[in-house]
């Protein structure tokens, strides 16, 4: 694992220390790693949403669509049993 040192204003350091204490993190590094993981997840989701928005529209997801989907799931469950 690599090491990275960061500088924070006193108010931010106090905030991080408070979050570590209140949320049950062992260290400030653990808290920062969690923030980075969440940001990575957010960026991945944003990419997926943008990719989906760029695709051609398909049939509407209406009541018929969901009923057909339920039927396919039921059939698959019977075959798998």
C-alpha atoms as a PDB file:
ATOM      1  CA  UNK A   1       0.000   0.000   0.000  1.00  0.00           C
ATOM      2  CA  UNK A   2       1.291   3.459  -0.875  1.00  0.00           C
ATOM      3  CA  UNK A   3       1.389   6.409   1.466  1.00  0.00           C
ATOM      4  CA  UNK A   4       0.007   9.859   0.683  1.00  0.00           C
ATOM      5  CA  UNK A   5       0.291  12.860   2.948  1.00  0.00           C
ATOM      6  CA  UNK A   6      -2.274  15.633   2.681  1.00  0.00           C
ATOM      7  CA  UNK A   7      -2.500  19.047   4.295  1.00  0.00           C
ATOM      8  CA  UNK A   8      -5.811  20.241   5.710  1.00  0.00           C
ATOM      9  CA  UNK A   9      -6.861  23.440   7.394  1.00  0.00           C
ATOM     10  CA  UNK A  10      -7.494  22.978  11.112  1.00  0.00           C
ATOM     11  CA  UNK A  11     -11.273  23.107  10.629  1.00  0.00           C
ATOM     12  CA  UNK A  12     -11.193  20.284   8.084  1.00  0.00           C
ATOM     13  CA  UNK A  13      -8.876  18.167  10.223  1.00  0.00           C
ATOM     14  CA  UNK A  14     -11.253  18.635  13.139  1.00  0.00           C
ATOM     15  CA  UNK A  15     -14.144  17.575  10.919  1.00  0.00           C
ATOM     16  CA  UNK A  16     -12.296  14.435   9.786  1.00  0.00           C
ATOM     17  CA  UNK A  17     -11.353  13.566  13.373  1.00  0.00           C
ATOM     18  CA  UNK A  18     -14.982  14.014  14.394  1.00  0.00           C
ATOM     19  CA  UNK A  19     -16.213  11.758  11.588  1.00  0.00           C
ATOM     20  CA  UNK A  20     -13.684   9.082  12.483  1.00  0.00           C
ATOM     21  CA  UNK A  21     -14.841   9.157  16.085  1.00  0.00           C
ATOM     22  CA  UNK A  22     -18.589   9.338  15.435  1.00  0.00           C
ATOM     23  CA  UNK A  23     -18.781   6.861  12.568  1.00  0.00           C
ATOM     24  CA  UNK A  24     -16.554   4.198  14.064  1.00  0.00           C
ATOM     25  CA  UNK A  25     -13.620   4.386  11.664  1.00  0.00           C
ATOM     26  CA  UNK A  26     -10.314   3.176  13.052  1.00  0.00           C
ATOM     27  CA  UNK A  27      -8.224   5.891  11.426  1.00  0.00           C
ATOM     28  CA  UNK A  28      -8.563   8.998   9.320  1.00  0.00           C
ATOM     29  CA  UNK A  29      -7.037   7.008   6.442  1.00  0.00           C
ATOM     30  CA  UNK A  30      -9.914   4.543   6.628  1.00  0.00           C
ATOM     31  CA  UNK A  31     -12.396   7.434   6.463  1.00  0.00           C
ATOM     32  CA  UNK A  32     -10.649   9.013   3.465  1.00  0.00           C
ATOM     33  CA  UNK A  33     -10.472   5.655   1.647  1.00  0.00           C
ATOM     34  CA  UNK A  34     -14.235   5.284   2.129  1.00  0.00           C
ATOM     35  CA  UNK A  35     -14.825   8.760   0.699  1.00  0.00           C
ATOM     36  CA  UNK A  36     -12.680   7.911  -2.328  1.00  0.00           C
ATOM     37  CA  UNK A  37     -14.528   4.597  -2.883  1.00  0.00           C
ATOM     38  CA  UNK A  38     -17.862   6.432  -2.769  1.00  0.00           C
ATOM     39  CA  UNK A  39     -16.605   9.002  -5.264  1.00  0.00           C
ATOM     40  CA  UNK A  40     -15.399   6.216  -7.573  1.00  0.00           C
ATOM     41  CA  UNK A  41     -18.838   4.585  -7.357  1.00  0.00           C
ATOM     42  CA  UNK A  42     -20.509   7.924  -8.098  1.00  0.00           C
ATOM     43  CA  UNK A  43     -18.329   8.486 -11.155  1.00  0.00           C
ATOM     44  CA  UNK A  44     -19.000   4.964 -12.419  1.00  0.00           C
ATOM     45  CA  UNK A  45     -22.754   5.430 -11.998  1.00  0.00           C
ATOM     46  CA  UNK A  46     -22.571   8.795 -13.764  1.00  0.00           C
ATOM     47  CA  UNK A  47     -20.767   7.140 -16.677  1.00  0.00           C
ATOM     48  CA  UNK A  48     -23.403   4.421 -16.899  1.00  0.00           C
ATOM     49  CA  UNK A  49     -26.209   6.988 -16.812  1.00  0.00           C
ATOM     50  CA  UNK A  50     -24.571   9.058 -19.540  1.00  0.00           C
ATOM     51  CA  UNK A  51     -24.012   5.954 -21.676  1.00  0.00           C
ATOM     52  CA  UNK A  52     -27.640   4.974 -21.200  1.00  0.00           C
ATOM     53  CA  UNK A  53     -28.829   8.462 -22.098  1.00  0.00           C
ATOM     54  CA  UNK A  54     -26.798   8.308 -25.319  1.00  0.00           C
ATOM     55  CA  UNK A  55     -28.458   5.089 -26.522  1.00  0.00           C
ATOM     56  CA  UNK A  56     -31.471   4.970 -28.769  1.00  0.00           C
ATOM     57  CA  UNK A  57     -34.849   4.865 -27.023  1.00  0.00           C
ATOM     58  CA  UNK A  58     -36.538   1.501 -26.684  1.00  0.00           C
ATOM     59  CA  UNK A  59     -40.097   0.432 -26.014  1.00  0.00           C
ATOM     60  CA  UNK A  60     -41.677   2.150 -23.004  1.00  0.00           C
ATOM     61  CA  UNK A  61     -41.504   0.400 -19.650  1.00  0.00           C
ATOM     62  CA  UNK A  62     -45.244   0.248 -19.090  1.00  0.00           C
ATOM     63  CA  UNK A  63     -47.536  -2.281 -17.426  1.00  0.00           C
ATOM     64  CA  UNK A  64     -47.297  -4.684 -20.371  1.00  0.00           C
ATOM     65  CA  UNK A  65     -43.503  -4.596 -20.280  1.00  0.00           C
ATOM     66  CA  UNK A  66     -43.403  -5.470 -16.580  1.00  0.00           C
ATOM     67  CA  UNK A  67     -46.011  -8.220 -16.912  1.00  0.00           C
ATOM     68  CA  UNK A  68     -43.980  -9.800 -19.727  1.00  0.00           C
ATOM     69  CA  UNK A  69     -40.883  -9.524 -17.562  1.00  0.00           C
ATOM     70  CA  UNK A  70     -42.676 -11.244 -14.652  1.00  0.00           C
ATOM     71  CA  UNK A  71     -43.787 -14.046 -16.995  1.00  0.00           C
ATOM     72  CA  UNK A  72     -40.223 -14.597 -18.210  1.00  0.00           C
ATOM     73  CA  UNK A  73     -38.932 -14.698 -14.626  1.00  0.00           C
ATOM     74  CA  UNK A  74     -41.634 -17.193 -13.598  1.00  0.00           C
ATOM     75  CA  UNK A  75     -40.831 -19.427 -16.586  1.00  0.00           C
ATOM     76  CA  UNK A  76     -37.103 -19.262 -15.859  1.00  0.00           C
ATOM     77  CA  UNK A  77     -37.750 -20.153 -12.211  1.00  0.00           C
ATOM     78  CA  UNK A  78     -39.777 -23.219 -13.230  1.00  0.00           C
ATOM     79  CA  UNK A  79     -37.070 -24.391 -15.618  1.00  0.00           C
ATOM     80  CA  UNK A  80     -34.376 -23.880 -12.980  1.00  0.00           C
ATOM     81  CA  UNK A  81     -36.250 -25.893 -10.332  1.00  0.00           C
END
